[in-house]
Amino acid sequence: MSQIRTRQLGISEKLASGTRINRPSDDPVGSRKVIALQSEHKRVEQYSRNLDAANHLVHTADSVLSESSNLLYRAKELAIQAINGGINSEDRNFLANEVASIREQLHSLANTRTNNRYIFGGFQKDTPPYDAANAFVGDTNQVQLEVGEGLRVGVTSSGGAAFGDGTAATVDVFDNLVDLEATIRAGFDPLLGDEPIQAELERLEESIEQVIGVRNQMGINMNRLDGAEAVISLMNEKLPAAISELRDVDFPAAVSELQLVENALQGTMATTSRLLKGTSLMDFL
C-alpha cells in the first residue's frame, strides 16, 4: 500500500506541475537531455539578441554610407560645373560654399552614434572617430558579433575605412573636399588650365569608390545575418518543442495511469481489510 501511495503521489505531482521530470531522480537520462537542450536554447537566445543588435548596426551603417555616397556624387557635380572657365567668382564661391557644406554633413555622418557606439571608430565606441579638424582619432578595428555557433559577423566597417584613417591605405575624403573647395575658389589658372580640379575630381572618384566599397561589404554582412536569422528562427522553434517532448507530462496517459493506481489502491485496501477481519493479536501470537 505504501508503494502504491508513493506512485499515486508521484503521478499527482506530475499532473499538478504539468511536467514529467520534476527532479533528476524522476528520469536521470531524460533529465540530462533536458539540461543540455536548455543550455543550447539559452545560447540561441543570446545569438538572437546579438542578431538584433547586429541588424541595427549594419542597417544604420548602410543608410549612412548611402547618404554619404549621394553627397559625394553631388560634390562631383559641383566640381564638373566649376571646370567651366566662363563662370564668375561669385558662382565659384557659391559652388565652393556648397562643397564646404557637404564636408560638414559628411563629418556629422562619419561621427554617427547608435546603440551607445560610434559605428565608424573601430573599438573606440565612446569617442567620436573624427575630431573638429576632420582628423581620424579612432582605431582601425572592426566590431564583430557572434550570431551562431562559430559564426562571427562584422557589424561595422573597419574604423576609418569609409572616410579615411589618416594612412596611405585609404583616401582622406575630408582632405579631398578641402582641396576641392580651395581649387574651386581659386578659379581657372591660365598656366595650369583645369589640371588642379581634374586632379581633385580623380581623388573624388576614389573617395566615392571607397565609400561604395565599404557599403558593398555591409551588404555582404547583411546577407550573412539573414542566413543566421533563418537558422536561429528554426532553432527557436525546434528546441522548445524538443524540451517539451522530454519534460512535459502526457496528460491523457497520466490520468489513465492515476486511475489504474487508484483502482489498485482500493483493491489492495479491500483485500487487506478482508484478511484482517476477525483477526486478533492472540491469533498472531
C-alpha atoms as a PDB file:
ATOM      1  CA  MET A   1       0.000   0.000   0.000  1.00  0.00           C
ATOM      2  CA  SER A   2       2.898   2.332   0.767  1.00  0.00           C
ATOM      3  CA  GLN A   3       4.428   1.723  -2.675  1.00  0.00           C
ATOM      4  CA  ILE A   4       1.095   2.321  -4.377  1.00  0.00           C
ATOM      5  CA  ARG A   5       0.531   5.571  -2.452  1.00  0.00           C
ATOM      6  CA  THR A   6       4.043   6.773  -3.393  1.00  0.00           C
ATOM      7  CA  ARG A   7       3.275   6.069  -7.017  1.00  0.00           C
ATOM      8  CA  GLN A   8      -0.088   7.828  -6.686  1.00  0.00           C
ATOM      9  CA  LEU A   9       1.569  10.935  -5.201  1.00  0.00           C
ATOM     10  CA  GLY A  10       4.181  10.945  -7.959  1.00  0.00           C
ATOM     11  CA  ILE A  11       1.560  10.895 -10.720  1.00  0.00           C
ATOM     12  CA  SER A  12      -0.485  13.585  -8.939  1.00  0.00           C
ATOM     13  CA  GLU A  13       2.610  15.791  -8.716  1.00  0.00           C
ATOM     14  CA  LYS A  14       3.234  15.394 -12.446  1.00  0.00           C
ATOM     15  CA  LEU A  15      -0.355  16.326 -13.232  1.00  0.00           C
ATOM     16  CA  ALA A  16      -0.236  19.344 -10.910  1.00  0.00           C
ATOM     17  CA  SER A  17       3.084  20.660 -12.298  1.00  0.00           C
ATOM     18  CA  GLY A  18       2.458  19.668 -15.905  1.00  0.00           C
ATOM     19  CA  THR A  19       5.976  18.225 -16.117  1.00  0.00           C
ATOM     20  CA  ARG A  20       7.107  14.618 -16.189  1.00  0.00           C
ATOM     21  CA  ILE A  21      10.570  15.399 -14.781  1.00  0.00           C
ATOM     22  CA  ASN A  22      10.455  17.452 -11.598  1.00  0.00           C
ATOM     23  CA  ARG A  23      13.786  16.210 -10.230  1.00  0.00           C
ATOM     24  CA  PRO A  24      16.705  14.278 -11.741  1.00  0.00           C
ATOM     25  CA  SER A  25      15.666  11.079  -9.990  1.00  0.00           C
ATOM     26  CA  ASP A  26      12.397  11.040 -11.971  1.00  0.00           C
ATOM     27  CA  ASP A  27      14.335  10.230 -15.155  1.00  0.00           C
ATOM     28  CA  PRO A  28      18.149  10.574 -14.928  1.00  0.00           C
ATOM     29  CA  VAL A  29      18.755  10.137 -18.661  1.00  0.00           C
ATOM     30  CA  GLY A  30      15.878  12.392 -19.689  1.00  0.00           C
ATOM     31  CA  SER A  31      16.931  14.994 -17.120  1.00  0.00           C
ATOM     32  CA  ARG A  32      20.431  15.193 -18.616  1.00  0.00           C
ATOM     33  CA  LYS A  33      18.978  15.614 -22.096  1.00  0.00           C
ATOM     34  CA  VAL A  34      16.646  18.393 -20.917  1.00  0.00           C
ATOM     35  CA  ILE A  35      19.503  20.264 -19.224  1.00  0.00           C
ATOM     36  CA  ALA A  36      21.609  20.022 -22.393  1.00  0.00           C
ATOM     37  CA  LEU A  37      18.737  21.276 -24.560  1.00  0.00           C
ATOM     38  CA  GLN A  38      18.001  24.135 -22.153  1.00  0.00           C
ATOM     39  CA  SER A  39      21.665  25.214 -22.263  1.00  0.00           C
ATOM     40  CA  GLU A  40      21.551  25.160 -26.056  1.00  0.00           C
ATOM     41  CA  HIS A  41      18.340  27.199 -26.024  1.00  0.00           C
ATOM     42  CA  LYS A  42      19.967  29.848 -23.824  1.00  0.00           C
ATOM     43  CA  ARG A  43      22.856  30.102 -26.302  1.00  0.00           C
ATOM     44  CA  VAL A  44      20.405  30.508 -29.164  1.00  0.00           C
ATOM     45  CA  GLU A  45      18.560  33.233 -27.245  1.00  0.00           C
ATOM     46  CA  GLN A  46      21.884  35.085 -26.816  1.00  0.00           C
ATOM     47  CA  TYR A  47      22.582  34.685 -30.535  1.00  0.00           C
ATOM     48  CA  SER A  48      19.135  36.147 -31.186  1.00  0.00           C
ATOM     49  CA  ARG A  49      19.890  39.202 -29.035  1.00  0.00           C
ATOM     50  CA  ASN A  50      23.237  39.616 -30.800  1.00  0.00           C
ATOM     51  CA  LEU A  51      21.459  39.338 -34.133  1.00  0.00           C
ATOM     52  CA  ASP A  52      19.051  42.145 -33.234  1.00  0.00           C
ATOM     53  CA  ALA A  53      21.964  44.406 -32.276  1.00  0.00           C
ATOM     54  CA  ALA A  54      23.903  43.397 -35.406  1.00  0.00           C
ATOM     55  CA  ASN A  55      20.997  44.128 -37.734  1.00  0.00           C
ATOM     56  CA  HIS A  56      20.532  47.560 -36.206  1.00  0.00           C
ATOM     57  CA  LEU A  57      24.211  48.471 -36.575  1.00  0.00           C
ATOM     58  CA  VAL A  58      24.568  47.114 -40.110  1.00  0.00           C
ATOM     59  CA  HIS A  59      21.414  48.785 -41.409  1.00  0.00           C
ATOM     60  CA  THR A  60      22.373  52.073 -39.761  1.00  0.00           C
ATOM     61  CA  ALA A  61      25.831  51.904 -41.347  1.00  0.00           C
ATOM     62  CA  ASP A  62      24.298  51.086 -44.732  1.00  0.00           C
ATOM     63  CA  SER A  63      21.949  54.068 -44.509  1.00  0.00           C
ATOM     64  CA  VAL A  64      24.777  56.426 -43.515  1.00  0.00           C
ATOM     65  CA  LEU A  65      27.024  55.196 -46.316  1.00  0.00           C
ATOM     66  CA  SER A  66      24.205  55.565 -48.839  1.00  0.00           C
ATOM     67  CA  GLU A  67      23.676  59.198 -47.835  1.00  0.00           C
ATOM     68  CA  SER A  68      27.446  59.784 -47.858  1.00  0.00           C
ATOM     69  CA  SER A  69      27.824  58.486 -51.404  1.00  0.00           C
ATOM     70  CA  ASN A  70      24.940  60.725 -52.522  1.00  0.00           C
ATOM     71  CA  LEU A  71      26.719  63.743 -51.025  1.00  0.00           C
ATOM     72  CA  LEU A  72      29.961  62.842 -52.772  1.00  0.00           C
ATOM     73  CA  TYR A  73      28.152  62.467 -56.087  1.00  0.00           C
ATOM     74  CA  ARG A  74      26.789  65.967 -55.539  1.00  0.00           C
ATOM     75  CA  ALA A  75      30.324  67.226 -54.878  1.00  0.00           C
ATOM     76  CA  LYS A  76      31.347  65.648 -58.183  1.00  0.00           C
ATOM     77  CA  GLU A  77      28.575  67.540 -59.987  1.00  0.00           C
ATOM     78  CA  LEU A  78      29.785  70.781 -58.419  1.00  0.00           C
ATOM     79  CA  ALA A  79      33.374  70.078 -59.483  1.00  0.00           C
ATOM     80  CA  ILE A  80      32.279  69.445 -63.071  1.00  0.00           C
ATOM     81  CA  GLN A  81      30.352  72.730 -63.076  1.00  0.00           C
ATOM     82  CA  ALA A  82      33.446  74.539 -61.795  1.00  0.00           C
ATOM     83  CA  ILE A  83      35.530  73.335 -64.764  1.00  0.00           C
ATOM     84  CA  ASN A  84      33.624  75.789 -66.905  1.00  0.00           C
ATOM     85  CA  GLY A  85      36.079  78.652 -67.266  1.00  0.00           C
ATOM     86  CA  GLY A  86      33.288  81.100 -68.073  1.00  0.00           C
ATOM     87  CA  ILE A  87      31.765  81.239 -64.573  1.00  0.00           C
ATOM     88  CA  ASN A  88      32.500  84.294 -62.452  1.00  0.00           C
ATOM     89  CA  SER A  89      33.946  84.482 -58.952  1.00  0.00           C
ATOM     90  CA  GLU A  90      30.509  84.735 -57.359  1.00  0.00           C
ATOM     91  CA  ASP A  91      29.449  81.476 -58.989  1.00  0.00           C
ATOM     92  CA  ARG A  92      32.697  79.807 -57.936  1.00  0.00           C
ATOM     93  CA  ASN A  93      32.172  80.897 -54.313  1.00  0.00           C
ATOM     94  CA  PHE A  94      28.634  79.579 -54.420  1.00  0.00           C
ATOM     95  CA  LEU A  95      29.880  76.184 -55.638  1.00  0.00           C
ATOM     96  CA  ALA A  96      32.738  76.172 -53.102  1.00  0.00           C
ATOM     97  CA  ASN A  97      30.341  77.003 -50.262  1.00  0.00           C
ATOM     98  CA  GLU A  98      28.195  74.019 -51.162  1.00  0.00           C
ATOM     99  CA  VAL A  99      31.287  71.785 -51.160  1.00  0.00           C
ATOM    100  CA  ALA A 100      32.094  73.104 -47.662  1.00  0.00           C
ATOM    101  CA  SER A 101      28.531  72.300 -46.584  1.00  0.00           C
ATOM    102  CA  ILE A 102      28.886  68.767 -47.951  1.00  0.00           C
ATOM    103  CA  ARG A 103      32.089  68.334 -45.941  1.00  0.00           C
ATOM    104  CA  GLU A 104      30.289  69.382 -42.747  1.00  0.00           C
ATOM    105  CA  GLN A 105      27.442  66.958 -43.436  1.00  0.00           C
ATOM    106  CA  LEU A 106      29.914  64.141 -44.050  1.00  0.00           C
ATOM    107  CA  HIS A 107      31.671  64.983 -40.788  1.00  0.00           C
ATOM    108  CA  SER A 108      28.377  64.520 -38.960  1.00  0.00           C
ATOM    109  CA  LEU A 109      27.662  61.245 -40.788  1.00  0.00           C
ATOM    110  CA  ALA A 110      31.153  59.891 -40.094  1.00  0.00           C
ATOM    111  CA  ASN A 111      30.525  60.508 -36.376  1.00  0.00           C
ATOM    112  CA  THR A 112      27.185  58.699 -36.375  1.00  0.00           C
ATOM    113  CA  ARG A 113      26.420  57.166 -32.974  1.00  0.00           C
ATOM    114  CA  THR A 114      23.858  54.448 -32.308  1.00  0.00           C
ATOM    115  CA  ASN A 115      23.400  51.762 -29.635  1.00  0.00           C
ATOM    116  CA  ASN A 116      25.916  53.687 -27.484  1.00  0.00           C
ATOM    117  CA  ARG A 117      28.701  53.328 -30.063  1.00  0.00           C
ATOM    118  CA  TYR A 118      30.295  55.360 -32.853  1.00  0.00           C
ATOM    119  CA  ILE A 119      29.976  52.985 -35.780  1.00  0.00           C
ATOM    120  CA  PHE A 120      32.977  54.229 -37.786  1.00  0.00           C
ATOM    121  CA  GLY A 121      35.504  54.445 -34.951  1.00  0.00           C
ATOM    122  CA  GLY A 122      36.538  50.804 -34.513  1.00  0.00           C
ATOM    123  CA  PHE A 123      36.647  49.667 -30.880  1.00  0.00           C
ATOM    124  CA  GLN A 124      36.657  53.247 -29.521  1.00  0.00           C
ATOM    125  CA  LYS A 125      32.902  53.384 -29.132  1.00  0.00           C
ATOM    126  CA  ASP A 126      32.783  56.361 -26.741  1.00  0.00           C
ATOM    127  CA  THR A 127      34.949  58.843 -28.681  1.00  0.00           C
ATOM    128  CA  PRO A 128      33.935  60.492 -31.995  1.00  0.00           C
ATOM    129  CA  PRO A 129      36.209  58.981 -34.660  1.00  0.00           C
ATOM    130  CA  TYR A 130      36.755  62.353 -36.393  1.00  0.00           C
ATOM    131  CA  ASP A 131      37.726  65.464 -34.443  1.00  0.00           C
ATOM    132  CA  ALA A 132      36.838  69.078 -35.240  1.00  0.00           C
ATOM    133  CA  ALA A 133      39.687  69.243 -37.784  1.00  0.00           C
ATOM    134  CA  ASN A 134      38.360  66.085 -39.530  1.00  0.00           C
ATOM    135  CA  ALA A 135      41.369  64.062 -38.358  1.00  0.00           C
ATOM    136  CA  PHE A 136      40.727  60.363 -37.643  1.00  0.00           C
ATOM    137  CA  VAL A 137      41.223  59.641 -33.926  1.00  0.00           C
ATOM    138  CA  GLY A 138      39.578  56.207 -33.698  1.00  0.00           C
ATOM    139  CA  ASP A 139      41.211  52.837 -34.300  1.00  0.00           C
ATOM    140  CA  THR A 140      41.123  50.638 -37.395  1.00  0.00           C
ATOM    141  CA  ASN A 141      39.418  47.591 -35.843  1.00  0.00           C
ATOM    142  CA  GLN A 142      36.101  46.109 -36.895  1.00  0.00           C
ATOM    143  CA  VAL A 143      33.362  45.257 -34.387  1.00  0.00           C
ATOM    144  CA  GLN A 144      32.061  41.703 -34.761  1.00  0.00           C
ATOM    145  CA  LEU A 145      29.235  39.860 -33.017  1.00  0.00           C
ATOM    146  CA  GLU A 146      28.678  36.116 -32.683  1.00  0.00           C
ATOM    147  CA  VAL A 147      25.316  35.222 -34.212  1.00  0.00           C
ATOM    148  CA  GLY A 148      25.738  31.462 -34.412  1.00  0.00           C
ATOM    149  CA  GLU A 149      27.969  28.578 -33.401  1.00  0.00           C
ATOM    150  CA  GLY A 150      31.391  29.786 -34.554  1.00  0.00           C
ATOM    151  CA  LEU A 151      29.809  32.446 -36.791  1.00  0.00           C
ATOM    152  CA  ARG A 152      31.059  35.984 -36.183  1.00  0.00           C
ATOM    153  CA  VAL A 153      29.844  38.748 -38.498  1.00  0.00           C
ATOM    154  CA  GLY A 154      31.256  42.255 -38.866  1.00  0.00           C
ATOM    155  CA  VAL A 155      28.596  44.745 -37.804  1.00  0.00           C
ATOM    156  CA  THR A 156      30.635  47.880 -38.511  1.00  0.00           C
ATOM    157  CA  SER A 157      33.278  48.707 -41.092  1.00  0.00           C
ATOM    158  CA  SER A 158      36.885  48.849 -40.010  1.00  0.00           C
ATOM    159  CA  GLY A 159      37.403  52.202 -38.315  1.00  0.00           C
ATOM    160  CA  GLY A 160      38.290  54.865 -40.912  1.00  0.00           C
ATOM    161  CA  ALA A 161      37.748  52.541 -43.879  1.00  0.00           C
ATOM    162  CA  ALA A 162      34.951  54.616 -45.413  1.00  0.00           C
ATOM    163  CA  PHE A 163      36.136  58.188 -44.828  1.00  0.00           C
ATOM    164  CA  GLY A 164      39.889  57.717 -44.376  1.00  0.00           C
ATOM    165  CA  ASP A 165      42.011  56.626 -41.428  1.00  0.00           C
ATOM    166  CA  GLY A 166      44.919  59.001 -41.974  1.00  0.00           C
ATOM    167  CA  THR A 167      47.153  56.408 -43.626  1.00  0.00           C
ATOM    168  CA  ALA A 168      48.082  55.708 -47.229  1.00  0.00           C
ATOM    169  CA  ALA A 169      45.770  52.682 -47.163  1.00  0.00           C
ATOM    170  CA  THR A 170      42.683  54.899 -47.508  1.00  0.00           C
ATOM    171  CA  VAL A 171      41.625  58.099 -49.252  1.00  0.00           C
ATOM    172  CA  ASP A 172      41.105  61.031 -46.895  1.00  0.00           C
ATOM    173  CA  VAL A 173      37.639  62.127 -48.020  1.00  0.00           C
ATOM    174  CA  PHE A 174      37.703  65.293 -45.926  1.00  0.00           C
ATOM    175  CA  ASP A 175      41.106  66.385 -47.211  1.00  0.00           C
ATOM    176  CA  ASN A 176      39.832  65.751 -50.737  1.00  0.00           C
ATOM    177  CA  LEU A 177      36.854  68.078 -50.160  1.00  0.00           C
ATOM    178  CA  VAL A 178      39.017  70.744 -48.513  1.00  0.00           C
ATOM    179  CA  ASP A 179      41.314  70.817 -51.544  1.00  0.00           C
ATOM    180  CA  LEU A 180      38.351  70.705 -53.938  1.00  0.00           C
ATOM    181  CA  GLU A 181      36.790  73.706 -52.220  1.00  0.00           C
ATOM    182  CA  ALA A 182      40.066  75.667 -52.392  1.00  0.00           C
ATOM    183  CA  THR A 183      40.575  74.760 -56.052  1.00  0.00           C
ATOM    184  CA  ILE A 184      37.074  75.894 -56.991  1.00  0.00           C
ATOM    185  CA  ARG A 185      37.525  79.222 -55.190  1.00  0.00           C
ATOM    186  CA  ALA A 186      40.883  79.814 -56.908  1.00  0.00           C
ATOM    187  CA  GLY A 187      39.248  79.518 -60.317  1.00  0.00           C
ATOM    188  CA  PHE A 188      40.807  78.748 -63.682  1.00  0.00           C
ATOM    189  CA  ASP A 189      44.574  79.025 -63.843  1.00  0.00           C
ATOM    190  CA  PRO A 190      45.807  80.080 -67.326  1.00  0.00           C
ATOM    191  CA  LEU A 191      49.125  78.311 -66.766  1.00  0.00           C
ATOM    192  CA  LEU A 192      47.803  75.038 -65.328  1.00  0.00           C
ATOM    193  CA  GLY A 193      44.479  75.000 -67.082  1.00  0.00           C
ATOM    194  CA  ASP A 194      41.960  72.633 -65.465  1.00  0.00           C
ATOM    195  CA  GLU A 195      44.650  70.233 -64.144  1.00  0.00           C
ATOM    196  CA  PRO A 196      44.148  71.132 -60.441  1.00  0.00           C
ATOM    197  CA  ILE A 197      40.418  70.498 -60.446  1.00  0.00           C
ATOM    198  CA  GLN A 198      40.814  67.400 -62.635  1.00  0.00           C
ATOM    199  CA  ALA A 199      43.216  66.032 -60.031  1.00  0.00           C
ATOM    200  CA  GLU A 200      40.654  66.618 -57.281  1.00  0.00           C
ATOM    201  CA  LEU A 201      37.983  65.019 -59.444  1.00  0.00           C
ATOM    202  CA  GLU A 202      40.121  61.894 -59.740  1.00  0.00           C
ATOM    203  CA  ARG A 203      40.570  61.820 -55.957  1.00  0.00           C
ATOM    204  CA  LEU A 204      36.835  62.355 -55.594  1.00  0.00           C
ATOM    205  CA  GLU A 205      36.197  59.289 -57.759  1.00  0.00           C
ATOM    206  CA  GLU A 206      38.452  57.319 -55.396  1.00  0.00           C
ATOM    207  CA  SER A 207      36.552  58.701 -52.397  1.00  0.00           C
ATOM    208  CA  ILE A 208      33.246  57.638 -53.921  1.00  0.00           C
ATOM    209  CA  GLU A 209      34.554  54.150 -54.749  1.00  0.00           C
ATOM    210  CA  GLN A 210      35.906  53.825 -51.220  1.00  0.00           C
ATOM    211  CA  VAL A 211      32.537  54.612 -49.623  1.00  0.00           C
ATOM    212  CA  ILE A 212      30.698  52.353 -52.073  1.00  0.00           C
ATOM    213  CA  GLY A 213      33.167  49.524 -51.425  1.00  0.00           C
ATOM    214  CA  VAL A 214      32.533  49.687 -47.673  1.00  0.00           C
ATOM    215  CA  ARG A 215      28.789  49.775 -48.306  1.00  0.00           C
ATOM    216  CA  ASN A 216      29.062  46.678 -50.511  1.00  0.00           C
ATOM    217  CA  GLN A 217      30.782  44.886 -47.628  1.00  0.00           C
ATOM    218  CA  MET A 218      27.906  45.898 -45.372  1.00  0.00           C
ATOM    219  CA  GLY A 219      25.564  44.328 -47.936  1.00  0.00           C
ATOM    220  CA  ILE A 220      27.508  41.061 -47.761  1.00  0.00           C
ATOM    221  CA  ASN A 221      27.262  41.142 -43.969  1.00  0.00           C
ATOM    222  CA  MET A 222      23.507  41.742 -44.237  1.00  0.00           C
ATOM    223  CA  ASN A 223      23.178  38.554 -46.292  1.00  0.00           C
ATOM    224  CA  ARG A 224      25.174  36.604 -43.701  1.00  0.00           C
ATOM    225  CA  LEU A 225      22.900  37.954 -40.962  1.00  0.00           C
ATOM    226  CA  ASP A 226      19.830  36.908 -42.943  1.00  0.00           C
ATOM    227  CA  GLY A 227      21.214  33.370 -43.125  1.00  0.00           C
ATOM    228  CA  ALA A 228      21.949  33.361 -39.396  1.00  0.00           C
ATOM    229  CA  GLU A 229      18.450  34.650 -38.679  1.00  0.00           C
ATOM    230  CA  ALA A 230      16.901  31.733 -40.585  1.00  0.00           C
ATOM    231  CA  VAL A 231      18.920  29.239 -38.519  1.00  0.00           C
ATOM    232  CA  ILE A 232      18.097  30.968 -35.230  1.00  0.00           C
ATOM    233  CA  SER A 233      14.399  31.072 -36.099  1.00  0.00           C
ATOM    234  CA  LEU A 234      14.428  27.331 -36.795  1.00  0.00           C
ATOM    235  CA  MET A 235      16.294  26.582 -33.558  1.00  0.00           C
ATOM    236  CA  ASN A 236      13.899  28.751 -31.536  1.00  0.00           C
ATOM    237  CA  GLU A 237      11.081  26.645 -32.923  1.00  0.00           C
ATOM    238  CA  LYS A 238      12.650  23.190 -32.578  1.00  0.00           C
ATOM    239  CA  LEU A 239      14.415  23.413 -29.198  1.00  0.00           C
ATOM    240  CA  PRO A 240      11.358  24.304 -27.039  1.00  0.00           C
ATOM    241  CA  ALA A 241       9.418  21.510 -28.779  1.00  0.00           C
ATOM    242  CA  ALA A 242      12.191  19.011 -28.040  1.00  0.00           C
ATOM    243  CA  ILE A 243      12.375  20.126 -24.395  1.00  0.00           C
ATOM    244  CA  SER A 244       8.611  19.895 -24.048  1.00  0.00           C
ATOM    245  CA  GLU A 245       8.559  16.401 -25.550  1.00  0.00           C
ATOM    246  CA  LEU A 246      11.078  15.180 -22.990  1.00  0.00           C
ATOM    247  CA  ARG A 247       9.900  17.094 -19.923  1.00  0.00           C
ATOM    248  CA  ASP A 248       6.169  17.725 -20.196  1.00  0.00           C
ATOM    249  CA  VAL A 249       3.637  15.208 -18.977  1.00  0.00           C
ATOM    250  CA  ASP A 250       1.288  13.335 -21.314  1.00  0.00           C
ATOM    251  CA  PHE A 251      -1.969  14.272 -19.574  1.00  0.00           C
ATOM    252  CA  PRO A 252      -4.269  11.573 -21.035  1.00  0.00           C
ATOM    253  CA  ALA A 253      -1.727   8.841 -20.258  1.00  0.00           C
ATOM    254  CA  ALA A 254      -1.044  10.235 -16.773  1.00  0.00           C
ATOM    255  CA  VAL A 255      -4.756  10.478 -15.921  1.00  0.00           C
ATOM    256  CA  SER A 256      -5.284   6.920 -17.117  1.00  0.00           C
ATOM    257  CA  GLU A 257      -2.311   5.721 -15.068  1.00  0.00           C
ATOM    258  CA  LEU A 258      -3.574   7.567 -11.997  1.00  0.00           C
ATOM    259  CA  GLN A 259      -6.963   5.864 -12.356  1.00  0.00           C
ATOM    260  CA  LEU A 260      -5.304   2.455 -12.549  1.00  0.00           C
ATOM    261  CA  VAL A 261      -3.193   3.193  -9.459  1.00  0.00           C
ATOM    262  CA  GLU A 262      -6.244   4.376  -7.502  1.00  0.00           C
ATOM    263  CA  ASN A 263      -8.116   1.237  -8.506  1.00  0.00           C
ATOM    264  CA  ALA A 264      -5.125  -0.856  -7.394  1.00  0.00           C
ATOM    265  CA  LEU A 265      -5.018   1.009  -4.093  1.00  0.00           C
ATOM    266  CA  GLN A 266      -8.712   0.465  -3.459  1.00  0.00           C
ATOM    267  CA  GLY A 267      -8.392  -3.223  -4.343  1.00  0.00           C
ATOM    268  CA  THR A 268      -5.397  -3.661  -2.037  1.00  0.00           C
ATOM    269  CA  MET A 269      -7.208  -1.924   0.825  1.00  0.00           C
ATOM    270  CA  ALA A 270     -10.279  -4.117   0.333  1.00  0.00           C
ATOM    271  CA  THR A 271      -8.188  -7.304   0.266  1.00  0.00           C
ATOM    272  CA  THR A 272      -6.244  -6.271   3.355  1.00  0.00           C
ATOM    273  CA  SER A 273      -9.469  -5.470   5.179  1.00  0.00           C
ATOM    274  CA  ARG A 274     -10.862  -8.931   4.459  1.00  0.00           C
ATOM    275  CA  LEU A 275      -7.656 -10.640   5.547  1.00  0.00           C
ATOM    276  CA  LEU A 276      -7.549  -8.760   8.817  1.00  0.00           C
ATOM    277  CA  LYS A 277     -11.265  -9.039   9.547  1.00  0.00           C
ATOM    278  CA  GLY A 278     -11.857 -11.089  12.734  1.00  0.00           C
ATOM    279  CA  THR A 279      -8.129 -11.439  13.416  1.00  0.00           C
ATOM    280  CA  SER A 280      -6.887 -10.649  16.902  1.00  0.00           C
ATOM    281  CA  LEU A 281      -3.486 -10.257  18.491  1.00  0.00           C
ATOM    282  CA  MET A 282      -3.884 -13.664  20.113  1.00  0.00           C
ATOM    283  CA  ASP A 283      -4.163 -15.249  16.618  1.00  0.00           C
ATOM    284  CA  PHE A 284      -0.760 -13.850  15.683  1.00  0.00           C
ATOM    285  CA  LEU A 285       0.772 -14.925  18.969  1.00  0.00           C
END
